[in-house]
Amino acid sequence: MNRYKNNNIIGVGRDVLSKPKYATSELCSQIYQACESGEIPFIELEFKSGDRLDHLASRYYGNGLDWWLIAAASGISWWLQVNEETRIKIPNQDSVKRRFNL
């Protein structure tokens, strides 16, 4: 089964951040700025060899489709080109939902 085929139906219910349609460049920029200004709490870690943003999202949010949220907070434009030792920000998901009415 193609895991991308049904993205529009994944996350119905509690986890509204699953829907990729929210990952607009404007929203990503706003999330980045909110983390930079301290409006949204986050944890920071170093990206290591073998790490993937979707795996980090699954570990911290319970949903790998929210990788774009980590990318937005970290200022990463394309998730497949994250270098080792890059500092990654993992924003608090509930804070993002409240701040941006998601």
PDB file of N, CA and C in Angstrom:
ATOM      1  N   MET A   1       0.841  -1.185   0.000  1.00  0.00           N
ATOM      2  CA  MET A   1       0.000   0.000   0.000  1.00  0.00           C
ATOM      3  C   MET A   1       0.881   1.240   0.000  1.00  0.00           C
ATOM      4  N   ASN A   2       0.566   2.188  -0.820  1.00  0.00           N
ATOM      5  CA  ASN A   2       1.302   3.442  -0.883  1.00  0.00           C
ATOM      6  C   ASN A   2       0.937   4.295   0.327  1.00  0.00           C
ATOM      7  N   ARG A   3       1.919   4.589   1.189  1.00  0.00           N
ATOM      8  CA  ARG A   3       1.602   5.322   2.419  1.00  0.00           C
ATOM      9  C   ARG A   3       1.248   6.775   2.168  1.00  0.00           C
ATOM     10  N   TYR A   4       1.546   7.293   0.995  1.00  0.00           N
ATOM     11  CA  TYR A   4       1.209   8.679   0.679  1.00  0.00           C
ATOM     12  C   TYR A   4      -0.165   8.822   0.037  1.00  0.00           C
ATOM     13  N   LYS A   5      -0.687   7.741  -0.481  1.00  0.00           N
ATOM     14  CA  LYS A   5      -1.940   7.784  -1.225  1.00  0.00           C
ATOM     15  C   LYS A   5      -3.099   8.314  -0.395  1.00  0.00           C
ATOM     16  N   ASN A   6      -3.173   7.935   0.855  1.00  0.00           N
ATOM     17  CA  ASN A   6      -4.323   8.283   1.685  1.00  0.00           C
ATOM     18  C   ASN A   6      -4.018   9.345   2.733  1.00  0.00           C
ATOM     19  N   ASN A   7      -3.029  10.188   2.508  1.00  0.00           N
ATOM     20  CA  ASN A   7      -2.669  11.216   3.490  1.00  0.00           C
ATOM     21  C   ASN A   7      -3.838  12.106   3.866  1.00  0.00           C
ATOM     22  N   ASN A   8      -4.776  12.318   2.960  1.00  0.00           N
ATOM     23  CA  ASN A   8      -5.882  13.216   3.262  1.00  0.00           C
ATOM     24  C   ASN A   8      -6.855  12.623   4.276  1.00  0.00           C
ATOM     25  N   ILE A   9      -6.774  11.329   4.538  1.00  0.00           N
ATOM     26  CA  ILE A   9      -7.689  10.758   5.523  1.00  0.00           C
ATOM     27  C   ILE A   9      -6.983  10.345   6.813  1.00  0.00           C
ATOM     28  N   ILE A  10      -5.669  10.337   6.816  1.00  0.00           N
ATOM     29  CA  ILE A  10      -4.938   9.978   8.027  1.00  0.00           C
ATOM     30  C   ILE A  10      -5.020  11.128   9.016  1.00  0.00           C
ATOM     31  N   GLY A  11      -5.257  10.815  10.254  1.00  0.00           N
ATOM     32  CA  GLY A  11      -5.281  11.841  11.286  1.00  0.00           C
ATOM     33  C   GLY A  11      -6.660  12.410  11.553  1.00  0.00           C
ATOM     34  N   VAL A  12      -7.683  11.824  10.992  1.00  0.00           N
ATOM     35  CA  VAL A  12      -9.030  12.288  11.286  1.00  0.00           C
ATOM     36  C   VAL A  12      -9.283  12.042  12.763  1.00  0.00           C
ATOM     37  N   GLY A  13      -9.807  13.024  13.437  1.00  0.00           N
ATOM     38  CA  GLY A  13     -10.059  12.887  14.864  1.00  0.00           C
ATOM     39  C   GLY A  13      -9.121  13.742  15.691  1.00  0.00           C
ATOM     40  N   ARG A  14      -8.481  13.154  16.676  1.00  0.00           N
ATOM     41  CA  ARG A  14      -7.681  13.875  17.650  1.00  0.00           C
ATOM     42  C   ARG A  14      -6.477  14.586  17.041  1.00  0.00           C
ATOM     43  N   ASP A  15      -5.800  13.984  16.104  1.00  0.00           N
ATOM     44  CA  ASP A  15      -4.515  14.492  15.661  1.00  0.00           C
ATOM     45  C   ASP A  15      -4.621  15.274  14.358  1.00  0.00           C
ATOM     46  N   VAL A  16      -5.065  16.530  14.445  1.00  0.00           N
ATOM     47  CA  VAL A  16      -5.295  17.327  13.244  1.00  0.00           C
ATOM     48  C   VAL A  16      -4.012  17.749  12.554  1.00  0.00           C
ATOM     49  N   LEU A  17      -2.870  17.682  13.217  1.00  0.00           N
ATOM     50  CA  LEU A  17      -1.619  18.078  12.577  1.00  0.00           C
ATOM     51  C   LEU A  17      -1.159  17.074  11.529  1.00  0.00           C
ATOM     52  N   SER A  18      -1.816  15.933  11.422  1.00  0.00           N
ATOM     53  CA  SER A  18      -1.453  14.912  10.456  1.00  0.00           C
ATOM     54  C   SER A  18      -1.709  15.339   9.029  1.00  0.00           C
ATOM     55  N   LYS A  19      -2.635  16.232   8.843  1.00  0.00           N
ATOM     56  CA  LYS A  19      -3.046  16.573   7.495  1.00  0.00           C
ATOM     57  C   LYS A  19      -2.011  17.490   6.842  1.00  0.00           C
ATOM     58  N   PRO A  20      -1.333  17.023   5.796  1.00  0.00           N
ATOM     59  CA  PRO A  20      -0.271  17.800   5.161  1.00  0.00           C
ATOM     60  C   PRO A  20      -0.721  19.152   4.629  1.00  0.00           C
ATOM     61  N   LYS A  21      -2.016  19.355   4.418  1.00  0.00           N
ATOM     62  CA  LYS A  21      -2.466  20.635   3.878  1.00  0.00           C
ATOM     63  C   LYS A  21      -2.126  21.805   4.797  1.00  0.00           C
ATOM     64  N   TYR A  22      -1.846  21.547   6.081  1.00  0.00           N
ATOM     65  CA  TYR A  22      -1.509  22.621   7.003  1.00  0.00           C
ATOM     66  C   TYR A  22      -0.080  23.131   6.796  1.00  0.00           C
ATOM     67  N   ALA A  23       0.742  22.362   6.141  1.00  0.00           N
ATOM     68  CA  ALA A  23       2.155  22.701   6.010  1.00  0.00           C
ATOM     69  C   ALA A  23       2.409  23.715   4.894  1.00  0.00           C
ATOM     70  N   THR A  24       1.787  24.887   4.993  1.00  0.00           N
ATOM     71  CA  THR A  24       2.028  25.941   4.017  1.00  0.00           C
ATOM     72  C   THR A  24       3.314  26.668   4.377  1.00  0.00           C
ATOM     73  N   SER A  25       3.926  27.318   3.413  1.00  0.00           N
ATOM     74  CA  SER A  25       5.174  28.032   3.694  1.00  0.00           C
ATOM     75  C   SER A  25       4.945  29.165   4.693  1.00  0.00           C
ATOM     76  N   GLU A  26       3.782  29.805   4.645  1.00  0.00           N
ATOM     77  CA  GLU A  26       3.483  30.883   5.591  1.00  0.00           C
ATOM     78  C   GLU A  26       3.364  30.341   7.013  1.00  0.00           C
ATOM     79  N   LEU A  27       2.646  29.245   7.183  1.00  0.00           N
ATOM     80  CA  LEU A  27       2.495  28.657   8.505  1.00  0.00           C
ATOM     81  C   LEU A  27       3.839  28.165   9.027  1.00  0.00           C
ATOM     82  N   CYS A  28       4.627  27.536   8.166  1.00  0.00           N
ATOM     83  CA  CYS A  28       5.942  27.045   8.590  1.00  0.00           C
ATOM     84  C   CYS A  28       6.817  28.206   9.055  1.00  0.00           C
ATOM     85  N   SER A  29       6.773  29.312   8.354  1.00  0.00           N
ATOM     86  CA  SER A  29       7.529  30.490   8.741  1.00  0.00           C
ATOM     87  C   SER A  29       7.057  31.030  10.094  1.00  0.00           C
ATOM     88  N   GLN A  30       5.756  31.030  10.308  1.00  0.00           N
ATOM     89  CA  GLN A  30       5.202  31.507  11.577  1.00  0.00           C
ATOM     90  C   GLN A  30       5.593  30.587  12.736  1.00  0.00           C
ATOM     91  N   ILE A  31       5.608  29.288  12.493  1.00  0.00           N
ATOM     92  CA  ILE A  31       6.017  28.332  13.525  1.00  0.00           C
ATOM     93  C   ILE A  31       7.486  28.557  13.874  1.00  0.00           C
ATOM     94  N   TYR A  32       8.317  28.733  12.853  1.00  0.00           N
ATOM     95  CA  TYR A  32       9.741  28.992  13.078  1.00  0.00           C
ATOM     96  C   TYR A  32       9.933  30.255  13.921  1.00  0.00           C
ATOM     97  N   GLN A  33       9.249  31.321  13.551  1.00  0.00           N
ATOM     98  CA  GLN A  33       9.376  32.582  14.280  1.00  0.00           C
ATOM     99  C   GLN A  33       8.861  32.462  15.712  1.00  0.00           C
ATOM    100  N   ALA A  34       7.774  31.723  15.913  1.00  0.00           N
ATOM    101  CA  ALA A  34       7.227  31.539  17.261  1.00  0.00           C
ATOM    102  C   ALA A  34       8.195  30.757  18.148  1.00  0.00           C
ATOM    103  N   CYS A  35       8.900  29.800  17.587  1.00  0.00           N
ATOM    104  CA  CYS A  35       9.909  29.064  18.355  1.00  0.00           C
ATOM    105  C   CYS A  35      11.103  29.957  18.657  1.00  0.00           C
ATOM    106  N   GLU A  36      11.543  30.712  17.672  1.00  0.00           N
ATOM    107  CA  GLU A  36      12.681  31.609  17.858  1.00  0.00           C
ATOM    108  C   GLU A  36      12.414  32.662  18.929  1.00  0.00           C
ATOM    109  N   SER A  37      11.187  33.157  18.996  1.00  0.00           N
ATOM    110  CA  SER A  37      10.844  34.209  19.954  1.00  0.00           C
ATOM    111  C   SER A  37      10.515  33.651  21.346  1.00  0.00           C
ATOM    112  N   GLY A  38      10.410  32.319  21.463  1.00  0.00           N
ATOM    113  CA  GLY A  38      10.094  31.707  22.743  1.00  0.00           C
ATOM    114  C   GLY A  38       8.597  31.562  23.007  1.00  0.00           C
ATOM    115  N   GLU A  39       7.776  31.911  22.020  1.00  0.00           N
ATOM    116  CA  GLU A  39       6.315  31.764  22.162  1.00  0.00           C
ATOM    117  C   GLU A  39       5.897  30.308  22.280  1.00  0.00           C
ATOM    118  N   ILE A  40       6.580  29.445  21.565  1.00  0.00           N
ATOM    119  CA  ILE A  40       6.278  28.016  21.580  1.00  0.00           C
ATOM    120  C   ILE A  40       7.471  27.287  22.191  1.00  0.00           C
ATOM    121  N   PRO A  41       7.248  26.536  23.265  1.00  0.00           N
ATOM    122  CA  PRO A  41       8.351  25.777  23.862  1.00  0.00           C
ATOM    123  C   PRO A  41       8.770  24.619  22.948  1.00  0.00           C
ATOM    124  N   PHE A  42      10.027  24.285  23.014  1.00  0.00           N
ATOM    125  CA  PHE A  42      10.551  23.188  22.199  1.00  0.00           C
ATOM    126  C   PHE A  42      11.721  22.544  22.919  1.00  0.00           C
ATOM    127  N   ILE A  43      12.048  21.341  22.497  1.00  0.00           N
ATOM    128  CA  ILE A  43      13.288  20.721  22.933  1.00  0.00           C
ATOM    129  C   ILE A  43      14.217  20.723  21.733  1.00  0.00           C
ATOM    130  N   GLU A  44      15.480  20.741  21.997  1.00  0.00           N
ATOM    131  CA  GLU A  44      16.460  20.788  20.906  1.00  0.00           C
ATOM    132  C   GLU A  44      17.369  19.570  21.022  1.00  0.00           C
ATOM    133  N   LEU A  45      17.681  18.985  19.886  1.00  0.00           N
ATOM    134  CA  LEU A  45      18.598  17.860  19.864  1.00  0.00           C
ATOM    135  C   LEU A  45      19.439  17.911  18.611  1.00  0.00           C
ATOM    136  N   GLU A  46      20.462  17.106  18.607  1.00  0.00           N
ATOM    137  CA  GLU A  46      21.364  17.048  17.453  1.00  0.00           C
ATOM    138  C   GLU A  46      20.947  15.905  16.540  1.00  0.00           C
ATOM    139  N   PHE A  47      20.805  16.213  15.270  1.00  0.00           N
ATOM    140  CA  PHE A  47      20.440  15.220  14.261  1.00  0.00           C
ATOM    141  C   PHE A  47      21.635  14.300  14.058  1.00  0.00           C
ATOM    142  N   LYS A  48      21.421  13.010  14.177  1.00  0.00           N
ATOM    143  CA  LYS A  48      22.501  12.033  14.059  1.00  0.00           C
ATOM    144  C   LYS A  48      22.323  11.179  12.809  1.00  0.00           C
ATOM    145  N   SER A  49      23.373  10.497  12.435  1.00  0.00           N
ATOM    146  CA  SER A  49      23.327   9.582  11.301  1.00  0.00           C
ATOM    147  C   SER A  49      22.228   8.552  11.531  1.00  0.00           C
ATOM    148  N   GLY A  50      21.391   8.359  10.547  1.00  0.00           N
ATOM    149  CA  GLY A  50      20.299   7.400  10.644  1.00  0.00           C
ATOM    150  C   GLY A  50      18.997   8.011  11.129  1.00  0.00           C
ATOM    151  N   ASP A  51      19.046   9.239  11.670  1.00  0.00           N
ATOM    152  CA  ASP A  51      17.811   9.907  12.088  1.00  0.00           C
ATOM    153  C   ASP A  51      16.991  10.296  10.864  1.00  0.00           C
ATOM    154  N   ARG A  52      15.690  10.330  11.060  1.00  0.00           N
ATOM    155  CA  ARG A  52      14.768  10.825  10.041  1.00  0.00           C
ATOM    156  C   ARG A  52      13.717  11.648  10.748  1.00  0.00           C
ATOM    157  N   LEU A  53      13.264  12.727  10.099  1.00  0.00           N
ATOM    158  CA  LEU A  53      12.283  13.595  10.731  1.00  0.00           C
ATOM    159  C   LEU A  53      10.971  12.880  10.992  1.00  0.00           C
ATOM    160  N   ASP A  54      10.562  11.994  10.090  1.00  0.00           N
ATOM    161  CA  ASP A  54       9.310  11.272  10.331  1.00  0.00           C
ATOM    162  C   ASP A  54       9.427  10.315  11.519  1.00  0.00           C
ATOM    163  N   HIS A  55      10.610   9.752  11.736  1.00  0.00           N
ATOM    164  CA  HIS A  55      10.806   8.887  12.899  1.00  0.00           C
ATOM    165  C   HIS A  55      10.811   9.701  14.191  1.00  0.00           C
ATOM    166  N   LEU A  56      11.430  10.889  14.151  1.00  0.00           N
ATOM    167  CA  LEU A  56      11.413  11.762  15.324  1.00  0.00           C
ATOM    168  C   LEU A  56       9.988  12.204  15.649  1.00  0.00           C
ATOM    169  N   ALA A  57       9.220  12.545  14.612  1.00  0.00           N
ATOM    170  CA  ALA A  57       7.830  12.949  14.823  1.00  0.00           C
ATOM    171  C   ALA A  57       7.020  11.796  15.416  1.00  0.00           C
ATOM    172  N   SER A  58       7.259  10.597  14.948  1.00  0.00           N
ATOM    173  CA  SER A  58       6.559   9.435  15.488  1.00  0.00           C
ATOM    174  C   SER A  58       6.922   9.232  16.958  1.00  0.00           C
ATOM    175  N   ARG A  59       8.186   9.406  17.288  1.00  0.00           N
ATOM    176  CA  ARG A  59       8.637   9.221  18.669  1.00  0.00           C
ATOM    177  C   ARG A  59       8.053  10.277  19.607  1.00  0.00           C
ATOM    178  N   TYR A  60       8.061  11.544  19.176  1.00  0.00           N
ATOM    179  CA  TYR A  60       7.638  12.636  20.060  1.00  0.00           C
ATOM    180  C   TYR A  60       6.148  12.960  19.981  1.00  0.00           C
ATOM    181  N   TYR A  61       5.522  12.711  18.817  1.00  0.00           N
ATOM    182  CA  TYR A  61       4.119  13.069  18.638  1.00  0.00           C
ATOM    183  C   TYR A  61       3.199  11.859  18.462  1.00  0.00           C
ATOM    184  N   GLY A  62       3.794  10.697  18.216  1.00  0.00           N
ATOM    185  CA  GLY A  62       2.976   9.519  17.969  1.00  0.00           C
ATOM    186  C   GLY A  62       2.461   9.449  16.541  1.00  0.00           C
ATOM    187  N   ASN A  63       3.006  10.303  15.659  1.00  0.00           N
ATOM    188  CA  ASN A  63       2.547  10.347  14.274  1.00  0.00           C
ATOM    189  C   ASN A  63       3.679  10.852  13.376  1.00  0.00           C
ATOM    190  N   GLY A  64       4.191   9.984  12.524  1.00  0.00           N
ATOM    191  CA  GLY A  64       5.291  10.341  11.632  1.00  0.00           C
ATOM    192  C   GLY A  64       4.934  11.378  10.583  1.00  0.00           C
ATOM    193  N   LEU A  65       3.637  11.544  10.304  1.00  0.00           N
ATOM    194  CA  LEU A  65       3.241  12.525   9.290  1.00  0.00           C
ATOM    195  C   LEU A  65       3.432  13.968   9.754  1.00  0.00           C
ATOM    196  N   ASP A  66       3.699  14.160  11.028  1.00  0.00           N
ATOM    197  CA  ASP A  66       3.923  15.512  11.543  1.00  0.00           C
ATOM    198  C   ASP A  66       5.378  15.946  11.459  1.00  0.00           C
ATOM    199  N   TRP A  67       6.161  15.268  10.621  1.00  0.00           N
ATOM    200  CA  TRP A  67       7.568  15.618  10.431  1.00  0.00           C
ATOM    201  C   TRP A  67       7.721  17.069  10.009  1.00  0.00           C
ATOM    202  N   TRP A  68       6.737  17.594   9.266  1.00  0.00           N
ATOM    203  CA  TRP A  68       6.821  18.961   8.755  1.00  0.00           C
ATOM    204  C   TRP A  68       6.838  19.984   9.888  1.00  0.00           C
ATOM    205  N   LEU A  69       6.261  19.639  11.009  1.00  0.00           N
ATOM    206  CA  LEU A  69       6.243  20.533  12.156  1.00  0.00           C
ATOM    207  C   LEU A  69       7.656  20.707  12.724  1.00  0.00           C
ATOM    208  N   ILE A  70       8.394  19.629  12.791  1.00  0.00           N
ATOM    209  CA  ILE A  70       9.792  19.685  13.245  1.00  0.00           C
ATOM    210  C   ILE A  70      10.633  20.453  12.227  1.00  0.00           C
ATOM    211  N   ALA A  71      10.389  20.180  10.945  1.00  0.00           N
ATOM    212  CA  ALA A  71      11.128  20.887   9.898  1.00  0.00           C
ATOM    213  C   ALA A  71      10.855  22.389   9.958  1.00  0.00           C
ATOM    214  N   ALA A  72       9.598  22.770  10.156  1.00  0.00           N
ATOM    215  CA  ALA A  72       9.238  24.191  10.226  1.00  0.00           C
ATOM    216  C   ALA A  72       9.918  24.866  11.409  1.00  0.00           C
ATOM    217  N   ALA A  73       9.858  24.250  12.574  1.00  0.00           N
ATOM    218  CA  ALA A  73      10.453  24.836  13.777  1.00  0.00           C
ATOM    219  C   ALA A  73      11.966  24.946  13.654  1.00  0.00           C
ATOM    220  N   SER A  74      12.564  24.040  12.892  1.00  0.00           N
ATOM    221  CA  SER A  74      14.022  24.001  12.751  1.00  0.00           C
ATOM    222  C   SER A  74      14.534  24.809  11.567  1.00  0.00           C
ATOM    223  N   GLY A  75      13.626  25.343  10.753  1.00  0.00           N
ATOM    224  CA  GLY A  75      14.042  26.109   9.582  1.00  0.00           C
ATOM    225  C   GLY A  75      14.586  25.242   8.459  1.00  0.00           C
ATOM    226  N   ILE A  76      14.079  24.013   8.373  1.00  0.00           N
ATOM    227  CA  ILE A  76      14.528  23.074   7.340  1.00  0.00           C
ATOM    228  C   ILE A  76      13.532  23.121   6.187  1.00  0.00           C
ATOM    229  N   SER A  77      14.033  23.382   4.996  1.00  0.00           N
ATOM    230  CA  SER A  77      13.118  23.505   3.866  1.00  0.00           C
ATOM    231  C   SER A  77      12.838  22.173   3.175  1.00  0.00           C
ATOM    232  N   TRP A  78      13.803  21.265   3.190  1.00  0.00           N
ATOM    233  CA  TRP A  78      13.572  19.974   2.556  1.00  0.00           C
ATOM    234  C   TRP A  78      14.095  18.893   3.479  1.00  0.00           C
ATOM    235  N   TRP A  79      13.209  18.065   3.984  1.00  0.00           N
ATOM    236  CA  TRP A  79      13.525  17.132   5.053  1.00  0.00           C
ATOM    237  C   TRP A  79      14.532  16.056   4.681  1.00  0.00           C
ATOM    238  N   LEU A  80      14.746  15.799   3.423  1.00  0.00           N
ATOM    239  CA  LEU A  80      15.695  14.756   3.034  1.00  0.00           C
ATOM    240  C   LEU A  80      17.138  15.248   2.995  1.00  0.00           C
ATOM    241  N   GLN A  81      17.336  16.545   3.198  1.00  0.00           N
ATOM    242  CA  GLN A  81      18.684  17.086   3.169  1.00  0.00           C
ATOM    243  C   GLN A  81      19.100  17.665   4.517  1.00  0.00           C
ATOM    244  N   VAL A  82      18.864  16.928   5.569  1.00  0.00           N
ATOM    245  CA  VAL A  82      19.283  17.356   6.893  1.00  0.00           C
ATOM    246  C   VAL A  82      20.635  16.722   7.166  1.00  0.00           C
ATOM    247  N   ASN A  83      21.623  17.557   7.413  1.00  0.00           N
ATOM    248  CA  ASN A  83      22.971  17.062   7.677  1.00  0.00           C
ATOM    249  C   ASN A  83      23.115  16.610   9.126  1.00  0.00           C
ATOM    250  N   GLU A  84      24.018  15.666   9.340  1.00  0.00           N
ATOM    251  CA  GLU A  84      24.340  15.258  10.702  1.00  0.00           C
ATOM    252  C   GLU A  84      24.802  16.477  11.479  1.00  0.00           C
ATOM    253  N   GLU A  85      24.560  16.452  12.774  1.00  0.00           N
ATOM    254  CA  GLU A  85      24.941  17.508  13.706  1.00  0.00           C
ATOM    255  C   GLU A  85      24.121  18.788  13.558  1.00  0.00           C
ATOM    256  N   THR A  86      23.090  18.773  12.701  1.00  0.00           N
ATOM    257  CA  THR A  86      22.170  19.907  12.621  1.00  0.00           C
ATOM    258  C   THR A  86      21.351  19.934  13.900  1.00  0.00           C
ATOM    259  N   ARG A  87      21.176  21.125  14.476  1.00  0.00           N
ATOM    260  CA  ARG A  87      20.354  21.266  15.675  1.00  0.00           C
ATOM    261  C   ARG A  87      18.884  21.263  15.251  1.00  0.00           C
ATOM    262  N   ILE A  88      18.120  20.327  15.794  1.00  0.00           N
ATOM    263  CA  ILE A  88      16.706  20.147  15.457  1.00  0.00           C
ATOM    264  C   ILE A  88      15.853  20.627  16.624  1.00  0.00           C
ATOM    265  N   LYS A  89      14.801  21.379  16.323  1.00  0.00           N
ATOM    266  CA  LYS A  89      13.850  21.819  17.341  1.00  0.00           C
ATOM    267  C   LYS A  89      12.579  20.988  17.217  1.00  0.00           C
ATOM    268  N   ILE A  90      12.138  20.450  18.327  1.00  0.00           N
ATOM    269  CA  ILE A  90      10.890  19.694  18.360  1.00  0.00           C
ATOM    270  C   ILE A  90       9.912  20.488  19.221  1.00  0.00           C
ATOM    271  N   PRO A  91       9.016  21.238  18.548  1.00  0.00           N
ATOM    272  CA  PRO A  91       8.104  22.104  19.302  1.00  0.00           C
ATOM    273  C   PRO A  91       7.023  21.307  20.020  1.00  0.00           C
ATOM    274  N   ASN A  92       6.521  21.878  21.090  1.00  0.00           N
ATOM    275  CA  ASN A  92       5.420  21.276  21.829  1.00  0.00           C
ATOM    276  C   ASN A  92       4.180  21.298  20.939  1.00  0.00           C
ATOM    277  N   GLN A  93       3.657  20.127  20.626  1.00  0.00           N
ATOM    278  CA  GLN A  93       2.553  19.994  19.680  1.00  0.00           C
ATOM    279  C   GLN A  93       1.289  20.703  20.168  1.00  0.00           C
ATOM    280  N   ASP A  94       0.976  20.586  21.454  1.00  0.00           N
ATOM    281  CA  ASP A  94      -0.227  21.242  21.982  1.00  0.00           C
ATOM    282  C   ASP A  94      -0.116  22.762  21.890  1.00  0.00           C
ATOM    283  N   SER A  95       1.073  23.291  22.123  1.00  0.00           N
ATOM    284  CA  SER A  95       1.284  24.743  22.016  1.00  0.00           C
ATOM    285  C   SER A  95       1.090  25.225  20.582  1.00  0.00           C
ATOM    286  N   VAL A  96       1.559  24.440  19.633  1.00  0.00           N
ATOM    287  CA  VAL A  96       1.385  24.804  18.219  1.00  0.00           C
ATOM    288  C   VAL A  96      -0.101  24.798  17.857  1.00  0.00           C
ATOM    289  N   LYS A  97      -0.824  23.767  18.310  1.00  0.00           N
ATOM    290  CA  LYS A  97      -2.253  23.668  18.020  1.00  0.00           C
ATOM    291  C   LYS A  97      -3.005  24.881  18.557  1.00  0.00           C
ATOM    292  N   ARG A  98      -2.707  25.229  19.813  1.00  0.00           N
ATOM    293  CA  ARG A  98      -3.394  26.390  20.426  1.00  0.00           C
ATOM    294  C   ARG A  98      -3.020  27.688  19.726  1.00  0.00           C
ATOM    295  N   ARG A  99      -1.739  27.889  19.471  1.00  0.00           N
ATOM    296  CA  ARG A  99      -1.261  29.149  18.899  1.00  0.00           C
ATOM    297  C   ARG A  99      -1.808  29.389  17.498  1.00  0.00           C
ATOM    298  N   PHE A 100      -1.957  28.337  16.707  1.00  0.00           N
ATOM    299  CA  PHE A 100      -2.355  28.485  15.307  1.00  0.00           C
ATOM    300  C   PHE A 100      -3.736  27.914  15.011  1.00  0.00           C
ATOM    301  N   ASN A 101      -4.502  27.625  16.033  1.00  0.00           N
ATOM    302  CA  ASN A 101      -5.869  27.103  15.878  1.00  0.00           C
ATOM    303  C   ASN A 101      -5.954  25.899  14.950  1.00  0.00           C
ATOM    304  N   LEU A 102      -5.096  24.958  15.160  1.00  0.00           N
ATOM    305  CA  LEU A 102      -5.087  23.748  14.319  1.00  0.00           C
ATOM    306  C   LEU A 102      -5.924  22.662  14.969  1.00  0.00           C
TER     307      LEU A 102
END
